[in-house]
Amino acid sequence: MKEIVITVATKDYTINLSDDNFASVLKKDLDRLLQNKNQIGVKDLLTAFIQKCHEEYLQKSNINSGMDKILSDLDKTLIRS
């Protein structure tokens, strides 16, 4: 189990993660977000959260679009058979 401590607006929060791979990814993302600072402000944290939400939205949109194309192509193939 990995433990990560992040300081938000002068208050420390301890995050315990059972998945070591995810812990490594989260640590890298937090390091990039903090940019060698010891803490993060509420505004910066909210901005990072919104960016992650937007990235997830774009990924889901791309996946749905790709699935729609695959299903459409499959339908065309099945109709020809």
PDB file of N, CA and C in Angstrom:
ATOM      1  N   MET A   1       0.845  -1.175   0.000  1.00  0.00           N
ATOM      2  CA  MET A   1       0.000   0.000   0.000  1.00  0.00           C
ATOM      3  C   MET A   1       0.890   1.238   0.000  1.00  0.00           C
ATOM      4  N   LYS A   2       0.554   2.166  -0.860  1.00  0.00           N
ATOM      5  CA  LYS A   2       1.298   3.420  -0.957  1.00  0.00           C
ATOM      6  C   LYS A   2       0.527   4.526  -0.254  1.00  0.00           C
ATOM      7  N   GLU A   3       1.274   5.441   0.314  1.00  0.00           N
ATOM      8  CA  GLU A   3       0.687   6.599   0.988  1.00  0.00           C
ATOM      9  C   GLU A   3       1.233   7.862   0.332  1.00  0.00           C
ATOM     10  N   ILE A   4       0.318   8.741  -0.057  1.00  0.00           N
ATOM     11  CA  ILE A   4       0.699  10.013  -0.668  1.00  0.00           C
ATOM     12  C   ILE A   4       0.098  11.118   0.185  1.00  0.00           C
ATOM     13  N   VAL A   5       0.904  12.120   0.484  1.00  0.00           N
ATOM     14  CA  VAL A   5       0.424  13.256   1.266  1.00  0.00           C
ATOM     15  C   VAL A   5       0.420  14.474   0.356  1.00  0.00           C
ATOM     16  N   ILE A   6      -0.705  15.164   0.317  1.00  0.00           N
ATOM     17  CA  ILE A   6      -0.820  16.388  -0.470  1.00  0.00           C
ATOM     18  C   ILE A   6      -1.345  17.485   0.448  1.00  0.00           C
ATOM     19  N   THR A   7      -0.790  18.678   0.287  1.00  0.00           N
ATOM     20  CA  THR A   7      -1.211  19.812   1.092  1.00  0.00           C
ATOM     21  C   THR A   7      -2.050  20.736   0.227  1.00  0.00           C
ATOM     22  N   VAL A   8      -3.277  20.939   0.677  1.00  0.00           N
ATOM     23  CA  VAL A   8      -4.209  21.826  -0.024  1.00  0.00           C
ATOM     24  C   VAL A   8      -4.556  22.955   0.934  1.00  0.00           C
ATOM     25  N   ALA A   9      -4.208  24.170   0.526  1.00  0.00           N
ATOM     26  CA  ALA A   9      -4.508  25.359   1.330  1.00  0.00           C
ATOM     27  C   ALA A   9      -4.062  25.162   2.781  1.00  0.00           C
ATOM     28  N   THR A  10      -2.826  24.761   2.957  1.00  0.00           N
ATOM     29  CA  THR A  10      -2.146  24.568   4.248  1.00  0.00           C
ATOM     30  C   THR A  10      -2.665  23.399   5.088  1.00  0.00           C
ATOM     31  N   LYS A  11      -3.535  22.575   4.563  1.00  0.00           N
ATOM     32  CA  LYS A  11      -4.006  21.393   5.298  1.00  0.00           C
ATOM     33  C   LYS A  11      -3.515  20.137   4.583  1.00  0.00           C
ATOM     34  N   ASP A  12      -2.910  19.232   5.349  1.00  0.00           N
ATOM     35  CA  ASP A  12      -2.390  17.988   4.779  1.00  0.00           C
ATOM     36  C   ASP A  12      -3.487  16.936   4.663  1.00  0.00           C
ATOM     37  N   TYR A  13      -3.464  16.227   3.542  1.00  0.00           N
ATOM     38  CA  TYR A  13      -4.391  15.116   3.307  1.00  0.00           C
ATOM     39  C   TYR A  13      -3.555  13.897   2.940  1.00  0.00           C
ATOM     40  N   THR A  14      -3.812  12.791   3.611  1.00  0.00           N
ATOM     41  CA  THR A  14      -3.107  11.549   3.340  1.00  0.00           C
ATOM     42  C   THR A  14      -4.009  10.649   2.515  1.00  0.00           C
ATOM     43  N   ILE A  15      -3.460  10.181   1.401  1.00  0.00           N
ATOM     44  CA  ILE A  15      -4.199   9.303   0.496  1.00  0.00           C
ATOM     45  C   ILE A  15      -3.525   7.935   0.542  1.00  0.00           C
ATOM     46  N   ASN A  16      -4.275   6.914   0.930  1.00  0.00           N
ATOM     47  CA  ASN A  16      -3.760   5.547   0.956  1.00  0.00           C
ATOM     48  C   ASN A  16      -4.282   4.804  -0.259  1.00  0.00           C
ATOM     49  N   LEU A  17      -3.349   4.255  -1.045  1.00  0.00           N
ATOM     50  CA  LEU A  17      -3.707   3.577  -2.281  1.00  0.00           C
ATOM     51  C   LEU A  17      -3.198   2.142  -2.254  1.00  0.00           C
ATOM     52  N   SER A  18      -4.091   1.201  -2.526  1.00  0.00           N
ATOM     53  CA  SER A  18      -3.699  -0.206  -2.529  1.00  0.00           C
ATOM     54  C   SER A  18      -3.083  -0.637  -3.860  1.00  0.00           C
ATOM     55  N   ASP A  19      -3.336   0.109  -4.920  1.00  0.00           N
ATOM     56  CA  ASP A  19      -2.805  -0.207  -6.244  1.00  0.00           C
ATOM     57  C   ASP A  19      -1.516   0.587  -6.461  1.00  0.00           C
ATOM     58  N   ASP A  20      -0.377  -0.106  -6.412  1.00  0.00           N
ATOM     59  CA  ASP A  20       0.914   0.576  -6.541  1.00  0.00           C
ATOM     60  C   ASP A  20       1.097   1.237  -7.900  1.00  0.00           C
ATOM     61  N   ASN A  21       0.573   0.620  -8.959  1.00  0.00           N
ATOM     62  CA  ASN A  21       0.703   1.221 -10.298  1.00  0.00           C
ATOM     63  C   ASN A  21      -0.058   2.532 -10.365  1.00  0.00           C
ATOM     64  N   PHE A  22      -1.285   2.533  -9.849  1.00  0.00           N
ATOM     65  CA  PHE A  22      -2.053   3.780  -9.840  1.00  0.00           C
ATOM     66  C   PHE A  22      -1.380   4.816  -8.956  1.00  0.00           C
ATOM     67  N   ALA A  23      -0.812   4.382  -7.839  1.00  0.00           N
ATOM     68  CA  ALA A  23      -0.116   5.308  -6.936  1.00  0.00           C
ATOM     69  C   ALA A  23       1.026   6.011  -7.666  1.00  0.00           C
ATOM     70  N   SER A  24       1.755   5.271  -8.483  1.00  0.00           N
ATOM     71  CA  SER A  24       2.862   5.863  -9.245  1.00  0.00           C
ATOM     72  C   SER A  24       2.353   6.895 -10.245  1.00  0.00           C
ATOM     73  N   VAL A  25       1.274   6.555 -10.931  1.00  0.00           N
ATOM     74  CA  VAL A  25       0.688   7.481 -11.912  1.00  0.00           C
ATOM     75  C   VAL A  25       0.164   8.729 -11.214  1.00  0.00           C
ATOM     76  N   LEU A  26      -0.528   8.538 -10.103  1.00  0.00           N
ATOM     77  CA  LEU A  26      -1.065   9.680  -9.350  1.00  0.00           C
ATOM     78  C   LEU A  26       0.057  10.567  -8.850  1.00  0.00           C
ATOM     79  N   LYS A  27       1.122   9.957  -8.335  1.00  0.00           N
ATOM     80  CA  LYS A  27       2.266  10.733  -7.834  1.00  0.00           C
ATOM     81  C   LYS A  27       2.877  11.578  -8.943  1.00  0.00           C
ATOM     82  N   LYS A  28       3.029  11.004 -10.135  1.00  0.00           N
ATOM     83  CA  LYS A  28       3.583  11.762 -11.262  1.00  0.00           C
ATOM     84  C   LYS A  28       2.663  12.917 -11.646  1.00  0.00           C
ATOM     85  N   ASP A  29       1.350  12.655 -11.685  1.00  0.00           N
ATOM     86  CA  ASP A  29       0.394  13.721 -12.009  1.00  0.00           C
ATOM     87  C   ASP A  29       0.437  14.832 -10.960  1.00  0.00           C
ATOM     88  N   LEU A  30       0.505  14.448  -9.693  1.00  0.00           N
ATOM     89  CA  LEU A  30       0.568  15.451  -8.630  1.00  0.00           C
ATOM     90  C   LEU A  30       1.865  16.253  -8.701  1.00  0.00           C
ATOM     91  N   ASP A  31       2.975  15.580  -8.969  1.00  0.00           N
ATOM     92  CA  ASP A  31       4.252  16.288  -9.107  1.00  0.00           C
ATOM     93  C   ASP A  31       4.198  17.300 -10.239  1.00  0.00           C
ATOM     94  N   ARG A  32       3.593  16.894 -11.357  1.00  0.00           N
ATOM     95  CA  ARG A  32       3.462  17.803 -12.500  1.00  0.00           C
ATOM     96  C   ARG A  32       2.558  18.989 -12.138  1.00  0.00           C
ATOM     97  N   LEU A  33       1.489  18.710 -11.417  1.00  0.00           N
ATOM     98  CA  LEU A  33       0.558  19.750 -11.002  1.00  0.00           C
ATOM     99  C   LEU A  33       1.196  20.711 -10.009  1.00  0.00           C
ATOM    100  N   LEU A  34       1.947  20.187  -9.060  1.00  0.00           N
ATOM    101  CA  LEU A  34       2.549  21.014  -8.015  1.00  0.00           C
ATOM    102  C   LEU A  34       3.744  21.821  -8.513  1.00  0.00           C
ATOM    103  N   GLN A  35       4.406  21.365  -9.551  1.00  0.00           N
ATOM    104  CA  GLN A  35       5.551  22.072 -10.140  1.00  0.00           C
ATOM    105  C   GLN A  35       6.573  22.479  -9.074  1.00  0.00           C
ATOM    106  N   ASN A  36       7.055  21.487  -8.320  1.00  0.00           N
ATOM    107  CA  ASN A  36       8.086  21.673  -7.290  1.00  0.00           C
ATOM    108  C   ASN A  36       7.638  22.542  -6.114  1.00  0.00           C
ATOM    109  N   LYS A  37       6.339  22.721  -5.929  1.00  0.00           N
ATOM    110  CA  LYS A  37       5.832  23.420  -4.754  1.00  0.00           C
ATOM    111  C   LYS A  37       5.429  22.370  -3.726  1.00  0.00           C
ATOM    112  N   ASN A  38       5.327  22.786  -2.481  1.00  0.00           N
ATOM    113  CA  ASN A  38       4.960  21.854  -1.415  1.00  0.00           C
ATOM    114  C   ASN A  38       3.463  21.741  -1.219  1.00  0.00           C
ATOM    115  N   GLN A  39       2.714  22.688  -1.750  1.00  0.00           N
ATOM    116  CA  GLN A  39       1.270  22.662  -1.563  1.00  0.00           C
ATOM    117  C   GLN A  39       0.569  23.213  -2.797  1.00  0.00           C
ATOM    118  N   ILE A  40      -0.744  23.023  -2.826  1.00  0.00           N
ATOM    119  CA  ILE A  40      -1.544  23.505  -3.942  1.00  0.00           C
ATOM    120  C   ILE A  40      -2.704  24.317  -3.389  1.00  0.00           C
ATOM    121  N   GLY A  41      -3.052  25.356  -4.098  1.00  0.00           N
ATOM    122  CA  GLY A  41      -4.189  26.169  -3.695  1.00  0.00           C
ATOM    123  C   GLY A  41      -5.496  25.563  -4.186  1.00  0.00           C
ATOM    124  N   VAL A  42      -6.575  25.987  -3.589  1.00  0.00           N
ATOM    125  CA  VAL A  42      -7.890  25.465  -3.944  1.00  0.00           C
ATOM    126  C   VAL A  42      -8.208  25.740  -5.408  1.00  0.00           C
ATOM    127  N   LYS A  43      -7.899  26.925  -5.882  1.00  0.00           N
ATOM    128  CA  LYS A  43      -8.184  27.289  -7.281  1.00  0.00           C
ATOM    129  C   LYS A  43      -7.423  26.377  -8.243  1.00  0.00           C
ATOM    130  N   ASP A  44      -6.142  26.132  -7.963  1.00  0.00           N
ATOM    131  CA  ASP A  44      -5.340  25.263  -8.821  1.00  0.00           C
ATOM    132  C   ASP A  44      -5.851  23.827  -8.791  1.00  0.00           C
ATOM    133  N   LEU A  45      -6.282  23.369  -7.621  1.00  0.00           N
ATOM    134  CA  LEU A  45      -6.825  22.020  -7.514  1.00  0.00           C
ATOM    135  C   LEU A  45      -8.124  21.896  -8.298  1.00  0.00           C
ATOM    136  N   LEU A  46      -8.975  22.899  -8.191  1.00  0.00           N
ATOM    137  CA  LEU A  46     -10.227  22.891  -8.942  1.00  0.00           C
ATOM    138  C   LEU A  46      -9.962  22.922 -10.445  1.00  0.00           C
ATOM    139  N   THR A  47      -9.005  23.724 -10.858  1.00  0.00           N
ATOM    140  CA  THR A  47      -8.633  23.785 -12.274  1.00  0.00           C
ATOM    141  C   THR A  47      -8.141  22.425 -12.761  1.00  0.00           C
ATOM    142  N   ALA A  48      -7.309  21.766 -11.967  1.00  0.00           N
ATOM    143  CA  ALA A  48      -6.806  20.443 -12.340  1.00  0.00           C
ATOM    144  C   ALA A  48      -7.939  19.434 -12.433  1.00  0.00           C
ATOM    145  N   PHE A  49      -8.885  19.507 -11.510  1.00  0.00           N
ATOM    146  CA  PHE A  49     -10.029  18.601 -11.534  1.00  0.00           C
ATOM    147  C   PHE A  49     -10.853  18.804 -12.794  1.00  0.00           C
ATOM    148  N   ILE A  50     -11.096  20.056 -13.145  1.00  0.00           N
ATOM    149  CA  ILE A  50     -11.874  20.356 -14.351  1.00  0.00           C
ATOM    150  C   ILE A  50     -11.131  19.860 -15.592  1.00  0.00           C
ATOM    151  N   GLN A  51      -9.820  20.028 -15.642  1.00  0.00           N
ATOM    152  CA  GLN A  51      -9.039  19.532 -16.774  1.00  0.00           C
ATOM    153  C   GLN A  51      -9.145  18.019 -16.898  1.00  0.00           C
ATOM    154  N   LYS A  52      -9.052  17.302 -15.765  1.00  0.00           N
ATOM    155  CA  LYS A  52      -9.173  15.846 -15.791  1.00  0.00           C
ATOM    156  C   LYS A  52     -10.570  15.425 -16.249  1.00  0.00           C
ATOM    157  N   CYS A  53     -11.597  16.135 -15.784  1.00  0.00           N
ATOM    158  CA  CYS A  53     -12.968  15.837 -16.220  1.00  0.00           C
ATOM    159  C   CYS A  53     -13.112  16.034 -17.721  1.00  0.00           C
ATOM    160  N   HIS A  54     -12.515  17.095 -18.245  1.00  0.00           N
ATOM    161  CA  HIS A  54     -12.580  17.374 -19.676  1.00  0.00           C
ATOM    162  C   HIS A  54     -11.845  16.293 -20.463  1.00  0.00           C
ATOM    163  N   GLU A  55     -10.680  15.869 -19.978  1.00  0.00           N
ATOM    164  CA  GLU A  55      -9.946  14.786 -20.642  1.00  0.00           C
ATOM    165  C   GLU A  55     -10.782  13.517 -20.686  1.00  0.00           C
ATOM    166  N   GLU A  56     -11.444  13.192 -19.580  1.00  0.00           N
ATOM    167  CA  GLU A  56     -12.286  11.999 -19.538  1.00  0.00           C
ATOM    168  C   GLU A  56     -13.461  12.128 -20.501  1.00  0.00           C
ATOM    169  N   TYR A  57     -14.048  13.305 -20.571  1.00  0.00           N
ATOM    170  CA  TYR A  57     -15.152  13.558 -21.502  1.00  0.00           C
ATOM    171  C   TYR A  57     -14.694  13.327 -22.943  1.00  0.00           C
ATOM    172  N   LEU A  58     -13.524  13.860 -23.301  1.00  0.00           N
ATOM    173  CA  LEU A  58     -13.003  13.693 -24.658  1.00  0.00           C
ATOM    174  C   LEU A  58     -12.710  12.225 -24.950  1.00  0.00           C
ATOM    175  N   GLN A  59     -12.146  11.513 -23.985  1.00  0.00           N
ATOM    176  CA  GLN A  59     -11.860  10.093 -24.178  1.00  0.00           C
ATOM    177  C   GLN A  59     -13.146   9.312 -24.407  1.00  0.00           C
ATOM    178  N   LYS A  60     -14.162   9.575 -23.592  1.00  0.00           N
ATOM    179  CA  LYS A  60     -15.440   8.869 -23.756  1.00  0.00           C
ATOM    180  C   LYS A  60     -16.075   9.204 -25.095  1.00  0.00           C
ATOM    181  N   SER A  61     -15.981  10.459 -25.513  1.00  0.00           N
ATOM    182  CA  SER A  61     -16.529  10.858 -26.813  1.00  0.00           C
ATOM    183  C   SER A  61     -15.830  10.133 -27.941  1.00  0.00           C
ATOM    184  N   ASN A  62     -14.499  10.047 -27.857  1.00  0.00           N
ATOM    185  CA  ASN A  62     -13.729   9.341 -28.880  1.00  0.00           C
ATOM    186  C   ASN A  62     -14.059   7.856 -28.901  1.00  0.00           C
ATOM    187  N   ILE A  63     -14.200   7.262 -27.732  1.00  0.00           N
ATOM    188  CA  ILE A  63     -14.553   5.839 -27.659  1.00  0.00           C
ATOM    189  C   ILE A  63     -15.936   5.610 -28.256  1.00  0.00           C
ATOM    190  N   ASN A  64     -16.905   6.443 -27.874  1.00  0.00           N
ATOM    191  CA  ASN A  64     -18.264   6.293 -28.410  1.00  0.00           C
ATOM    192  C   ASN A  64     -18.299   6.477 -29.914  1.00  0.00           C
ATOM    193  N   SER A  65     -17.554   7.453 -30.409  1.00  0.00           N
ATOM    194  CA  SER A  65     -17.501   7.689 -31.847  1.00  0.00           C
ATOM    195  C   SER A  65     -16.887   6.485 -32.568  1.00  0.00           C
ATOM    196  N   GLY A  66     -15.815   5.953 -32.002  1.00  0.00           N
ATOM    197  CA  GLY A  66     -15.174   4.776 -32.591  1.00  0.00           C
ATOM    198  C   GLY A  66     -16.089   3.568 -32.564  1.00  0.00           C
ATOM    199  N   MET A  67     -16.804   3.386 -31.457  1.00  0.00           N
ATOM    200  CA  MET A  67     -17.741   2.259 -31.360  1.00  0.00           C
ATOM    201  C   MET A  67     -18.871   2.410 -32.373  1.00  0.00           C
ATOM    202  N   ASP A  68     -19.377   3.627 -32.531  1.00  0.00           N
ATOM    203  CA  ASP A  68     -20.439   3.860 -33.520  1.00  0.00           C
ATOM    204  C   ASP A  68     -19.958   3.499 -34.921  1.00  0.00           C
ATOM    205  N   LYS A  69     -18.723   3.869 -35.254  1.00  0.00           N
ATOM    206  CA  LYS A  69     -18.181   3.546 -36.576  1.00  0.00           C
ATOM    207  C   LYS A  69     -18.017   2.035 -36.746  1.00  0.00           C
ATOM    208  N   ILE A  70     -17.503   1.381 -35.729  1.00  0.00           N
ATOM    209  CA  ILE A  70     -17.326  -0.079 -35.795  1.00  0.00           C
ATOM    210  C   ILE A  70     -18.671  -0.765 -35.986  1.00  0.00           C
ATOM    211  N   LEU A  71     -19.663  -0.354 -35.204  1.00  0.00           N
ATOM    212  CA  LEU A  71     -20.991  -0.961 -35.319  1.00  0.00           C
ATOM    213  C   LEU A  71     -21.617  -0.692 -36.678  1.00  0.00           C
ATOM    214  N   SER A  72     -21.425   0.508 -37.194  1.00  0.00           N
ATOM    215  CA  SER A  72     -21.948   0.848 -38.512  1.00  0.00           C
ATOM    216  C   SER A  72     -21.291  -0.013 -39.591  1.00  0.00           C
ATOM    217  N   ASP A  73     -19.974  -0.131 -39.515  1.00  0.00           N
ATOM    218  CA  ASP A  73     -19.244  -0.970 -40.478  1.00  0.00           C
ATOM    219  C   ASP A  73     -19.658  -2.420 -40.364  1.00  0.00           C
ATOM    220  N   LEU A  74     -19.875  -2.885 -39.145  1.00  0.00           N
ATOM    221  CA  LEU A  74     -20.319  -4.263 -38.938  1.00  0.00           C
ATOM    222  C   LEU A  74     -21.708  -4.484 -39.526  1.00  0.00           C
ATOM    223  N   ASP A  75     -22.605  -3.531 -39.312  1.00  0.00           N
ATOM    224  CA  ASP A  75     -23.942  -3.633 -39.885  1.00  0.00           C
ATOM    225  C   ASP A  75     -23.885  -3.721 -41.404  1.00  0.00           C
ATOM    226  N   LYS A  76     -23.035  -2.872 -42.017  1.00  0.00           N
ATOM    227  CA  LYS A  76     -22.898  -2.884 -43.480  1.00  0.00           C
ATOM    228  C   LYS A  76     -22.379  -4.231 -43.967  1.00  0.00           C
ATOM    229  N   THR A  77     -21.422  -4.790 -43.216  1.00  0.00           N
ATOM    230  CA  THR A  77     -20.846  -6.076 -43.580  1.00  0.00           C
ATOM    231  C   THR A  77     -21.887  -7.188 -43.465  1.00  0.00           C
ATOM    232  N   LEU A  78     -22.664  -7.162 -42.402  1.00  0.00           N
ATOM    233  CA  LEU A  78     -23.668  -8.190 -42.186  1.00  0.00           C
ATOM    234  C   LEU A  78     -24.806  -8.114 -43.218  1.00  0.00           C
ATOM    235  N   ILE A  79     -25.149  -6.886 -43.633  1.00  0.00           N
ATOM    236  CA  ILE A  79     -26.204  -6.715 -44.634  1.00  0.00           C
ATOM    237  C   ILE A  79     -25.761  -7.290 -45.963  1.00  0.00           C
ATOM    238  N   ARG A  80     -24.491  -7.126 -46.313  1.00  0.00           N
ATOM    239  CA  ARG A  80     -23.971  -7.633 -47.582  1.00  0.00           C
ATOM    240  C   ARG A  80     -23.889  -9.156 -47.592  1.00  0.00           C
ATOM    241  N   SER A  81     -23.804  -9.766 -46.434  1.00  0.00           N
ATOM    242  CA  SER A  81     -23.634 -11.225 -46.365  1.00  0.00           C
ATOM    243  C   SER A  81     -24.894 -11.972 -46.673  1.00  0.00           C
TER     244      SER A  81
END
